[in-house]
């Protein structure tokens, strides 16, 4: 059975839950190490997804067209 790749939001949500659990300090050493290991993997997954998104944005902007940010008016604010 194939393992479904987590979305950024799913991975970040689980990572936040792990951090909250570790911050409580109620886990034993073995459980804390397992959670830390899972969290490190999730952090890597999030970084990978952010890198992919950045590459996609760079490709979209590769033609050097200036794209104003939403809300940016004629006065630059």
PDB file of N, CA and C in Angstrom:
ATOM      1  N   UNK A   1       0.835  -1.183   0.000  1.00  0.00           N
ATOM      2  CA  UNK A   1       0.000   0.000   0.000  1.00  0.00           C
ATOM      3  C   UNK A   1       0.880   1.247   0.000  1.00  0.00           C
ATOM      4  N   UNK A   2       0.602   2.166  -0.895  1.00  0.00           N
ATOM      5  CA  UNK A   2       1.404   3.384  -1.019  1.00  0.00           C
ATOM      6  C   UNK A   2       1.075   4.360   0.110  1.00  0.00           C
ATOM      7  N   UNK A   3       2.110   5.032   0.595  1.00  0.00           N
ATOM      8  CA  UNK A   3       1.936   6.027   1.648  1.00  0.00           C
ATOM      9  C   UNK A   3       1.659   7.378   1.004  1.00  0.00           C
ATOM     10  N   UNK A   4       0.579   8.033   1.444  1.00  0.00           N
ATOM     11  CA  UNK A   4       0.206   9.332   0.904  1.00  0.00           C
ATOM     12  C   UNK A   4       1.162  10.395   1.452  1.00  0.00           C
ATOM     13  N   UNK A   5       1.717  11.196   0.557  1.00  0.00           N
ATOM     14  CA  UNK A   5       2.573  12.304   0.971  1.00  0.00           C
ATOM     15  C   UNK A   5       1.715  13.360   1.650  1.00  0.00           C
ATOM     16  N   UNK A   6       2.189  13.850   2.791  1.00  0.00           N
ATOM     17  CA  UNK A   6       1.448  14.874   3.513  1.00  0.00           C
ATOM     18  C   UNK A   6       1.570  16.215   2.825  1.00  0.00           C
ATOM     19  N   UNK A   7       0.484  16.973   2.880  1.00  0.00           N
ATOM     20  CA  UNK A   7       0.540  18.344   2.395  1.00  0.00           C
ATOM     21  C   UNK A   7       1.319  19.175   3.405  1.00  0.00           C
ATOM     22  N   UNK A   8       1.682  20.382   3.013  1.00  0.00           N
ATOM     23  CA  UNK A   8       2.389  21.279   3.925  1.00  0.00           C
ATOM     24  C   UNK A   8       1.556  21.508   5.182  1.00  0.00           C
ATOM     25  N   UNK A   9       0.270  21.769   4.984  1.00  0.00           N
ATOM     26  CA  UNK A   9      -0.609  22.065   6.123  1.00  0.00           C
ATOM     27  C   UNK A   9      -0.734  20.870   7.072  1.00  0.00           C
ATOM     28  N   UNK A  10      -0.830  19.665   6.514  1.00  0.00           N
ATOM     29  CA  UNK A  10      -0.909  18.463   7.342  1.00  0.00           C
ATOM     30  C   UNK A  10       0.371  18.255   8.137  1.00  0.00           C
ATOM     31  N   UNK A  11       1.507  18.383   7.456  1.00  0.00           N
ATOM     32  CA  UNK A  11       2.796  18.199   8.120  1.00  0.00           C
ATOM     33  C   UNK A  11       3.018  19.259   9.189  1.00  0.00           C
ATOM     34  N   UNK A  12       2.668  20.495   8.899  1.00  0.00           N
ATOM     35  CA  UNK A  12       2.855  21.572   9.862  1.00  0.00           C
ATOM     36  C   UNK A  12       1.932  21.384  11.064  1.00  0.00           C
ATOM     37  N   UNK A  13       0.706  20.957  10.818  1.00  0.00           N
ATOM     38  CA  UNK A  13      -0.227  20.704  11.912  1.00  0.00           C
ATOM     39  C   UNK A  13       0.284  19.624  12.854  1.00  0.00           C
ATOM     40  N   UNK A  14       0.775  18.535  12.276  1.00  0.00           N
ATOM     41  CA  UNK A  14       1.322  17.451  13.109  1.00  0.00           C
ATOM     42  C   UNK A  14       2.561  17.929  13.847  1.00  0.00           C
ATOM     43  N   UNK A  15       3.414  18.693  13.181  1.00  0.00           N
ATOM     44  CA  UNK A  15       4.623  19.217  13.822  1.00  0.00           C
ATOM     45  C   UNK A  15       4.258  20.109  15.007  1.00  0.00           C
ATOM     46  N   UNK A  16       3.254  20.956  14.852  1.00  0.00           N
ATOM     47  CA  UNK A  16       2.801  21.814  15.946  1.00  0.00           C
ATOM     48  C   UNK A  16       2.281  20.982  17.117  1.00  0.00           C
ATOM     49  N   UNK A  17       1.573  19.894  16.807  1.00  0.00           N
ATOM     50  CA  UNK A  17       1.063  19.012  17.862  1.00  0.00           C
ATOM     51  C   UNK A  17       2.221  18.347  18.608  1.00  0.00           C
ATOM     52  N   UNK A  18       3.239  17.934  17.882  1.00  0.00           N
ATOM     53  CA  UNK A  18       4.411  17.307  18.507  1.00  0.00           C
ATOM     54  C   UNK A  18       5.119  18.302  19.420  1.00  0.00           C
ATOM     55  N   UNK A  19       5.308  19.523  18.938  1.00  0.00           N
ATOM     56  CA  UNK A  19       5.970  20.549  19.742  1.00  0.00           C
ATOM     57  C   UNK A  19       5.186  20.802  21.027  1.00  0.00           C
ATOM     58  N   UNK A  20       3.873  20.907  20.905  1.00  0.00           N
ATOM     59  CA  UNK A  20       3.032  21.136  22.090  1.00  0.00           C
ATOM     60  C   UNK A  20       3.169  19.991  23.079  1.00  0.00           C
ATOM     61  N   UNK A  21       3.191  18.776  22.561  1.00  0.00           N
ATOM     62  CA  UNK A  21       3.314  17.606  23.430  1.00  0.00           C
ATOM     63  C   UNK A  21       4.674  17.589  24.131  1.00  0.00           C
ATOM     64  N   UNK A  22       5.726  17.906  23.398  1.00  0.00           N
ATOM     65  CA  UNK A  22       7.062  17.929  23.996  1.00  0.00           C
ATOM     66  C   UNK A  22       7.204  19.055  25.017  1.00  0.00           C
ATOM     67  N   UNK A  23       6.580  20.186  24.739  1.00  0.00           N
ATOM     68  CA  UNK A  23       6.657  21.318  25.657  1.00  0.00           C
ATOM     69  C   UNK A  23       5.973  21.042  26.988  1.00  0.00           C
ATOM     70  N   UNK A  24       4.981  20.148  26.989  1.00  0.00           N
ATOM     71  CA  UNK A  24       4.317  19.781  28.241  1.00  0.00           C
ATOM     72  C   UNK A  24       5.282  19.077  29.190  1.00  0.00           C
ATOM     73  N   UNK A  25       6.260  18.375  28.618  1.00  0.00           N
ATOM     74  CA  UNK A  25       7.257  17.685  29.430  1.00  0.00           C
ATOM     75  C   UNK A  25       6.728  16.454  30.139  1.00  0.00           C
ATOM     76  N   UNK A  26       5.641  15.899  29.655  1.00  0.00           N
ATOM     77  CA  UNK A  26       5.026  14.749  30.311  1.00  0.00           C
ATOM     78  C   UNK A  26       5.444  13.408  29.709  1.00  0.00           C
ATOM     79  N   UNK A  27       6.205  13.430  28.631  1.00  0.00           N
ATOM     80  CA  UNK A  27       6.637  12.202  27.962  1.00  0.00           C
ATOM     81  C   UNK A  27       7.942  11.710  28.577  1.00  0.00           C
ATOM     82  N   UNK A  28       8.099  10.410  28.551  1.00  0.00           N
ATOM     83  CA  UNK A  28       9.360   9.832  28.964  1.00  0.00           C
ATOM     84  C   UNK A  28      10.423  10.043  27.890  1.00  0.00           C
ATOM     85  N   UNK A  29      11.625   9.663  28.195  1.00  0.00           N
ATOM     86  CA  UNK A  29      12.743   9.868  27.269  1.00  0.00           C
ATOM     87  C   UNK A  29      12.518   9.153  25.946  1.00  0.00           C
ATOM     88  N   UNK A  30      12.114   7.876  26.002  1.00  0.00           N
ATOM     89  CA  UNK A  30      11.914   7.119  24.764  1.00  0.00           C
ATOM     90  C   UNK A  30      10.841   7.750  23.882  1.00  0.00           C
ATOM     91  N   UNK A  31       9.713   8.116  24.495  1.00  0.00           N
ATOM     92  CA  UNK A  31       8.627   8.740  23.732  1.00  0.00           C
ATOM     93  C   UNK A  31       9.070  10.096  23.185  1.00  0.00           C
ATOM     94  N   UNK A  32       9.799  10.857  23.983  1.00  0.00           N
ATOM     95  CA  UNK A  32      10.286  12.165  23.539  1.00  0.00           C
ATOM     96  C   UNK A  32      11.208  12.024  22.338  1.00  0.00           C
ATOM     97  N   UNK A  33      12.075  11.018  22.364  1.00  0.00           N
ATOM     98  CA  UNK A  33      12.979  10.788  21.234  1.00  0.00           C
ATOM     99  C   UNK A  33      12.215  10.390  19.982  1.00  0.00           C
ATOM    100  N   UNK A  34      11.185   9.562  20.139  1.00  0.00           N
ATOM    101  CA  UNK A  34      10.360   9.172  18.988  1.00  0.00           C
ATOM    102  C   UNK A  34       9.644  10.388  18.404  1.00  0.00           C
ATOM    103  N   UNK A  35       9.093  11.223  19.282  1.00  0.00           N
ATOM    104  CA  UNK A  35       8.414  12.433  18.821  1.00  0.00           C
ATOM    105  C   UNK A  35       9.393  13.382  18.141  1.00  0.00           C
ATOM    106  N   UNK A  36      10.586  13.526  18.730  1.00  0.00           N
ATOM    107  CA  UNK A  36      11.597  14.396  18.135  1.00  0.00           C
ATOM    108  C   UNK A  36      11.982  13.902  16.747  1.00  0.00           C
ATOM    109  N   UNK A  37      12.161  12.596  16.617  1.00  0.00           N
ATOM    110  CA  UNK A  37      12.520  12.014  15.322  1.00  0.00           C
ATOM    111  C   UNK A  37      11.420  12.266  14.289  1.00  0.00           C
ATOM    112  N   UNK A  38      10.171  12.056  14.694  1.00  0.00           N
ATOM    113  CA  UNK A  38       9.054  12.316  13.789  1.00  0.00           C
ATOM    114  C   UNK A  38       9.007  13.795  13.411  1.00  0.00           C
ATOM    115  N   UNK A  39       9.216  14.659  14.401  1.00  0.00           N
ATOM    116  CA  UNK A  39       9.208  16.100  14.154  1.00  0.00           C
ATOM    117  C   UNK A  39      10.303  16.531  13.199  1.00  0.00           C
ATOM    118  N   UNK A  40      11.482  15.941  13.343  1.00  0.00           N
ATOM    119  CA  UNK A  40      12.592  16.274  12.441  1.00  0.00           C
ATOM    120  C   UNK A  40      12.241  15.890  11.005  1.00  0.00           C
ATOM    121  N   UNK A  41      11.597  14.741  10.840  1.00  0.00           N
ATOM    122  CA  UNK A  41      11.164  14.325   9.506  1.00  0.00           C
ATOM    123  C   UNK A  41      10.112  15.261   8.933  1.00  0.00           C
ATOM    124  N   UNK A  42       9.182  15.672   9.777  1.00  0.00           N
ATOM    125  CA  UNK A  42       8.142  16.596   9.333  1.00  0.00           C
ATOM    126  C   UNK A  42       8.729  17.958   8.968  1.00  0.00           C
ATOM    127  N   UNK A  43       9.689  18.418   9.746  1.00  0.00           N
ATOM    128  CA  UNK A  43      10.336  19.696   9.438  1.00  0.00           C
ATOM    129  C   UNK A  43      11.038  19.609   8.087  1.00  0.00           C
ATOM    130  N   UNK A  44      11.671  18.480   7.811  1.00  0.00           N
ATOM    131  CA  UNK A  44      12.306  18.273   6.512  1.00  0.00           C
ATOM    132  C   UNK A  44      11.300  18.270   5.383  1.00  0.00           C
ATOM    133  N   UNK A  45      10.148  17.637   5.614  1.00  0.00           N
ATOM    134  CA  UNK A  45       9.075  17.609   4.603  1.00  0.00           C
ATOM    135  C   UNK A  45       8.566  19.021   4.328  1.00  0.00           C
ATOM    136  N   UNK A  46       8.355  19.802   5.392  1.00  0.00           N
ATOM    137  CA  UNK A  46       7.893  21.183   5.225  1.00  0.00           C
ATOM    138  C   UNK A  46       8.916  22.003   4.440  1.00  0.00           C
ATOM    139  N   UNK A  47      10.183  21.819   4.762  1.00  0.00           N
ATOM    140  CA  UNK A  47      11.232  22.555   4.055  1.00  0.00           C
ATOM    141  C   UNK A  47      11.260  22.176   2.577  1.00  0.00           C
ATOM    142  N   UNK A  48      11.099  20.898   2.302  1.00  0.00           N
ATOM    143  CA  UNK A  48      11.064  20.410   0.921  1.00  0.00           C
ATOM    144  C   UNK A  48       9.906  21.041   0.149  1.00  0.00           C
ATOM    145  N   UNK A  49       8.731  21.077   0.773  1.00  0.00           N
ATOM    146  CA  UNK A  49       7.561  21.660   0.116  1.00  0.00           C
ATOM    147  C   UNK A  49       7.715  23.160  -0.094  1.00  0.00           C
ATOM    148  N   UNK A  50       8.308  23.850   0.867  1.00  0.00           N
ATOM    149  CA  UNK A  50       8.542  25.284   0.705  1.00  0.00           C
ATOM    150  C   UNK A  50       9.548  25.556  -0.411  1.00  0.00           C
ATOM    151  N   UNK A  51      10.580  24.715  -0.498  1.00  0.00           N
ATOM    152  CA  UNK A  51      11.559  24.859  -1.580  1.00  0.00           C
ATOM    153  C   UNK A  51      10.896  24.661  -2.943  1.00  0.00           C
ATOM    154  N   UNK A  52      10.013  23.659  -3.040  1.00  0.00           N
ATOM    155  CA  UNK A  52       9.304  23.416  -4.293  1.00  0.00           C
ATOM    156  C   UNK A  52       8.425  24.606  -4.663  1.00  0.00           C
ATOM    157  N   UNK A  53       7.752  25.168  -3.678  1.00  0.00           N
ATOM    158  CA  UNK A  53       6.893  26.323  -3.937  1.00  0.00           C
ATOM    159  C   UNK A  53       7.731  27.518  -4.393  1.00  0.00           C
ATOM    160  N   UNK A  54       8.887  27.723  -3.763  1.00  0.00           N
ATOM    161  CA  UNK A  54       9.767  28.824  -4.152  1.00  0.00           C
ATOM    162  C   UNK A  54      10.265  28.641  -5.583  1.00  0.00           C
ATOM    163  N   UNK A  55      10.623  27.414  -5.944  1.00  0.00           N
ATOM    164  CA  UNK A  55      11.067  27.149  -7.314  1.00  0.00           C
ATOM    165  C   UNK A  55       9.957  27.426  -8.320  1.00  0.00           C
ATOM    166  N   UNK A  56       8.738  27.050  -7.966  1.00  0.00           N
ATOM    167  CA  UNK A  56       7.607  27.289  -8.857  1.00  0.00           C
ATOM    168  C   UNK A  56       7.377  28.788  -9.044  1.00  0.00           C
ATOM    169  N   UNK A  57       7.450  29.554  -7.955  1.00  0.00           N
ATOM    170  CA  UNK A  57       7.286  31.007  -8.035  1.00  0.00           C
ATOM    171  C   UNK A  57       8.391  31.606  -8.893  1.00  0.00           C
ATOM    172  N   UNK A  58       9.623  31.149  -8.694  1.00  0.00           N
ATOM    173  CA  UNK A  58      10.742  31.658  -9.492  1.00  0.00           C
ATOM    174  C   UNK A  58      10.548  31.365 -10.974  1.00  0.00           C
ATOM    175  N   UNK A  59      10.019  30.187 -11.295  1.00  0.00           N
ATOM    176  CA  UNK A  59       9.747  29.862 -12.698  1.00  0.00           C
ATOM    177  C   UNK A  59       8.677  30.777 -13.276  1.00  0.00           C
ATOM    178  N   UNK A  60       7.646  31.038 -12.481  1.00  0.00           N
ATOM    179  CA  UNK A  60       6.571  31.907 -12.948  1.00  0.00           C
ATOM    180  C   UNK A  60       7.045  33.338 -13.169  1.00  0.00           C
ATOM    181  N   UNK A  61       8.036  33.750 -12.400  1.00  0.00           N
ATOM    182  CA  UNK A  61       8.545  35.108 -12.515  1.00  0.00           C
ATOM    183  C   UNK A  61       9.818  35.189 -13.369  1.00  0.00           C
ATOM    184  N   UNK A  62      10.194  34.079 -13.994  1.00  0.00           N
ATOM    185  CA  UNK A  62      11.452  33.999 -14.736  1.00  0.00           C
ATOM    186  C   UNK A  62      11.524  34.955 -15.909  1.00  0.00           C
ATOM    187  N   UNK A  63      10.399  35.413 -16.398  1.00  0.00           N
ATOM    188  CA  UNK A  63      10.421  36.309 -17.551  1.00  0.00           C
ATOM    189  C   UNK A  63      10.691  37.762 -17.142  1.00  0.00           C
ATOM    190  N   UNK A  64      11.088  37.970 -15.876  1.00  0.00           N
ATOM    191  CA  UNK A  64      11.472  39.294 -15.358  1.00  0.00           C
ATOM    192  C   UNK A  64      10.359  40.327 -15.402  1.00  0.00           C
ATOM    193  N   UNK A  65       9.133  39.881 -15.419  1.00  0.00           N
ATOM    194  CA  UNK A  65       8.036  40.830 -15.346  1.00  0.00           C
ATOM    195  C   UNK A  65       7.852  41.243 -13.903  1.00  0.00           C
ATOM    196  N   UNK A  66       7.609  42.517 -13.716  1.00  0.00           N
ATOM    197  CA  UNK A  66       7.392  43.019 -12.373  1.00  0.00           C
ATOM    198  C   UNK A  66       5.947  42.737 -11.982  1.00  0.00           C
ATOM    199  N   UNK A  67       5.774  42.056 -10.850  1.00  0.00           N
ATOM    200  CA  UNK A  67       4.442  41.706 -10.380  1.00  0.00           C
ATOM    201  C   UNK A  67       4.201  42.448  -9.077  1.00  0.00           C
ATOM    202  N   UNK A  68       3.266  43.424  -9.060  1.00  0.00           N
ATOM    203  CA  UNK A  68       3.012  44.163  -7.820  1.00  0.00           C
ATOM    204  C   UNK A  68       2.306  43.288  -6.802  1.00  0.00           C
ATOM    205  N   UNK A  69       2.604  43.538  -5.530  1.00  0.00           N
ATOM    206  CA  UNK A  69       1.929  42.827  -4.466  1.00  0.00           C
ATOM    207  C   UNK A  69       0.519  43.375  -4.325  1.00  0.00           C
ATOM    208  N   UNK A  70      -0.392  42.510  -3.892  1.00  0.00           N
ATOM    209  CA  UNK A  70      -1.779  42.914  -3.708  1.00  0.00           C
ATOM    210  C   UNK A  70      -1.836  44.068  -2.707  1.00  0.00           C
ATOM    211  N   UNK A  71      -2.586  45.090  -3.028  1.00  0.00           N
ATOM    212  CA  UNK A  71      -2.722  46.228  -2.139  1.00  0.00           C
ATOM    213  C   UNK A  71      -1.712  47.313  -2.387  1.00  0.00           C
ATOM    214  N   UNK A  72      -0.747  47.066  -3.267  1.00  0.00           N
ATOM    215  CA  UNK A  72       0.269  48.074  -3.560  1.00  0.00           C
ATOM    216  C   UNK A  72      -0.316  49.061  -4.571  1.00  0.00           C
ATOM    217  N   UNK A  73      -0.442  50.297  -4.150  1.00  0.00           N
ATOM    218  CA  UNK A  73      -1.014  51.314  -5.015  1.00  0.00           C
ATOM    219  C   UNK A  73       0.044  52.086  -5.765  1.00  0.00           C
ATOM    220  N   UNK A  74      -0.367  53.162  -6.414  1.00  0.00           N
ATOM    221  CA  UNK A  74       0.528  53.997  -7.212  1.00  0.00           C
ATOM    222  C   UNK A  74       1.589  54.665  -6.351  1.00  0.00           C
ATOM    223  N   UNK A  75       1.277  54.880  -5.067  1.00  0.00           N
ATOM    224  CA  UNK A  75       2.244  55.532  -4.181  1.00  0.00           C
ATOM    225  C   UNK A  75       3.216  54.549  -3.547  1.00  0.00           C
ATOM    226  N   UNK A  76       3.095  53.228  -3.894  1.00  0.00           N
ATOM    227  CA  UNK A  76       4.031  52.229  -3.401  1.00  0.00           C
ATOM    228  C   UNK A  76       3.706  51.728  -2.007  1.00  0.00           C
ATOM    229  N   UNK A  77       2.584  52.108  -1.436  1.00  0.00           N
ATOM    230  CA  UNK A  77       2.208  51.650  -0.104  1.00  0.00           C
ATOM    231  C   UNK A  77       1.188  50.567  -0.155  1.00  0.00           C
TER     232      UNK A  77
END
